[in-house]
Amino acid sequence: METQRRATARSRRIGRILILAGVSVWIPYFALEFAGKSPEVAYFLPAHLSGVIPGAILSRWGQLKRLFKR
């Protein structure tokens, strides 16, 4: 039981890190935008989504497992 808790806590932590990394992709975008440049959203959006989507799944992995066991 303790091992399962550790695994759930680890996946939650990794998920939050991925979400943070995915959201932080927008920092250079807005810095360029603020500097008067015109950055392409198409370059930043895939990096954002590749962090946020898996991060959201991992951070809620314990809840998803319980939901689908029913």
C-alpha atoms as a PDB file:
ATOM      1  CA  MET A   1       0.000   0.000   0.000  1.00  0.00           C
ATOM      2  CA  GLU A   2       2.824   2.397   0.846  1.00  0.00           C
ATOM      3  CA  THR A   3       4.494   1.712  -2.508  1.00  0.00           C
ATOM      4  CA  GLN A   4       1.281   2.608  -4.302  1.00  0.00           C
ATOM      5  CA  ARG A   5       1.075   5.892  -2.386  1.00  0.00           C
ATOM      6  CA  ARG A   6       4.649   6.714  -3.308  1.00  0.00           C
ATOM      7  CA  ALA A   7       3.974   5.947  -6.958  1.00  0.00           C
ATOM      8  CA  THR A   8       0.867   8.127  -6.919  1.00  0.00           C
ATOM      9  CA  ALA A   9       2.740  10.973  -5.225  1.00  0.00           C
ATOM     10  CA  ARG A  10       5.587  10.633  -7.724  1.00  0.00           C
ATOM     11  CA  SER A  11       3.249  10.706 -10.737  1.00  0.00           C
ATOM     12  CA  ARG A  12       1.453  13.731  -9.256  1.00  0.00           C
ATOM     13  CA  ARG A  13       4.784  15.523  -8.794  1.00  0.00           C
ATOM     14  CA  ILE A  14       6.000  14.671 -12.302  1.00  0.00           C
ATOM     15  CA  GLY A  15       2.641  15.748 -13.708  1.00  0.00           C
ATOM     16  CA  ARG A  16       2.864  19.128 -11.995  1.00  0.00           C
ATOM     17  CA  ILE A  17       6.409  19.605 -13.290  1.00  0.00           C
ATOM     18  CA  LEU A  18       5.239  18.846 -16.832  1.00  0.00           C
ATOM     19  CA  ILE A  19       2.368  21.308 -16.487  1.00  0.00           C
ATOM     20  CA  LEU A  20       4.749  23.969 -15.213  1.00  0.00           C
ATOM     21  CA  ALA A  21       7.137  23.306 -18.105  1.00  0.00           C
ATOM     22  CA  GLY A  22       4.284  23.458 -20.616  1.00  0.00           C
ATOM     23  CA  VAL A  23       2.969  26.725 -19.244  1.00  0.00           C
ATOM     24  CA  SER A  24       6.431  28.273 -18.986  1.00  0.00           C
ATOM     25  CA  VAL A  25       6.818  27.889 -22.757  1.00  0.00           C
ATOM     26  CA  TRP A  26       4.738  31.050 -23.051  1.00  0.00           C
ATOM     27  CA  ILE A  27       7.294  33.169 -21.157  1.00  0.00           C
ATOM     28  CA  PRO A  28       9.584  33.649 -24.185  1.00  0.00           C
ATOM     29  CA  TYR A  29       6.538  34.087 -26.409  1.00  0.00           C
ATOM     30  CA  PHE A  30       5.211  36.976 -24.347  1.00  0.00           C
ATOM     31  CA  ALA A  31       8.722  38.410 -23.927  1.00  0.00           C
ATOM     32  CA  LEU A  32       9.063  38.519 -27.716  1.00  0.00           C
ATOM     33  CA  GLU A  33       5.558  39.920 -28.050  1.00  0.00           C
ATOM     34  CA  PHE A  34       6.364  42.629 -25.490  1.00  0.00           C
ATOM     35  CA  ALA A  35       9.609  43.454 -27.328  1.00  0.00           C
ATOM     36  CA  GLY A  36       7.586  44.245 -30.452  1.00  0.00           C
ATOM     37  CA  LYS A  37       8.366  41.078 -32.395  1.00  0.00           C
ATOM     38  CA  SER A  38       5.691  38.837 -33.902  1.00  0.00           C
ATOM     39  CA  PRO A  39       6.357  35.297 -32.671  1.00  0.00           C
ATOM     40  CA  GLU A  40       4.455  32.477 -34.319  1.00  0.00           C
ATOM     41  CA  VAL A  41       2.029  30.674 -32.025  1.00  0.00           C
ATOM     42  CA  ALA A  42       2.541  27.536 -34.106  1.00  0.00           C
ATOM     43  CA  TYR A  43       6.048  27.160 -32.677  1.00  0.00           C
ATOM     44  CA  PHE A  44       5.010  27.475 -29.047  1.00  0.00           C
ATOM     45  CA  LEU A  45       1.675  25.650 -28.949  1.00  0.00           C
ATOM     46  CA  PRO A  46       3.010  22.108 -29.610  1.00  0.00           C
ATOM     47  CA  ALA A  47       5.580  22.472 -26.824  1.00  0.00           C
ATOM     48  CA  HIS A  48       2.875  23.813 -24.512  1.00  0.00           C
ATOM     49  CA  LEU A  49       0.476  20.969 -25.250  1.00  0.00           C
ATOM     50  CA  SER A  50       3.171  18.294 -25.031  1.00  0.00           C
ATOM     51  CA  GLY A  51       3.767  19.334 -21.434  1.00  0.00           C
ATOM     52  CA  VAL A  52       0.269  20.211 -20.284  1.00  0.00           C
ATOM     53  CA  ILE A  53      -1.709  17.232 -21.609  1.00  0.00           C
ATOM     54  CA  PRO A  54       0.533  14.457 -20.226  1.00  0.00           C
ATOM     55  CA  GLY A  55       1.037  16.492 -17.076  1.00  0.00           C
ATOM     56  CA  ALA A  56      -2.703  16.744 -16.503  1.00  0.00           C
ATOM     57  CA  ILE A  57      -3.096  13.001 -16.995  1.00  0.00           C
ATOM     58  CA  LEU A  58      -0.190  12.115 -14.707  1.00  0.00           C
ATOM     59  CA  SER A  59      -1.160  14.513 -11.952  1.00  0.00           C
ATOM     60  CA  ARG A  60      -4.615  12.927 -11.808  1.00  0.00           C
ATOM     61  CA  TRP A  61      -3.507   9.341 -12.429  1.00  0.00           C
ATOM     62  CA  GLY A  62      -4.771   8.031  -9.076  1.00  0.00           C
ATOM     63  CA  GLN A  63      -8.212   9.522  -9.659  1.00  0.00           C
ATOM     64  CA  LEU A  64      -8.355   8.164 -13.194  1.00  0.00           C
ATOM     65  CA  LYS A  65      -7.427   4.663 -12.030  1.00  0.00           C
ATOM     66  CA  ARG A  66     -10.220   4.705  -9.444  1.00  0.00           C
ATOM     67  CA  LEU A  67     -12.681   6.066 -11.994  1.00  0.00           C
ATOM     68  CA  PHE A  68     -12.016   3.350 -14.553  1.00  0.00           C
ATOM     69  CA  LYS A  69     -11.939   0.494 -12.030  1.00  0.00           C
ATOM     70  CA  ARG A  70     -15.677   0.859 -11.477  1.00  0.00           C
END
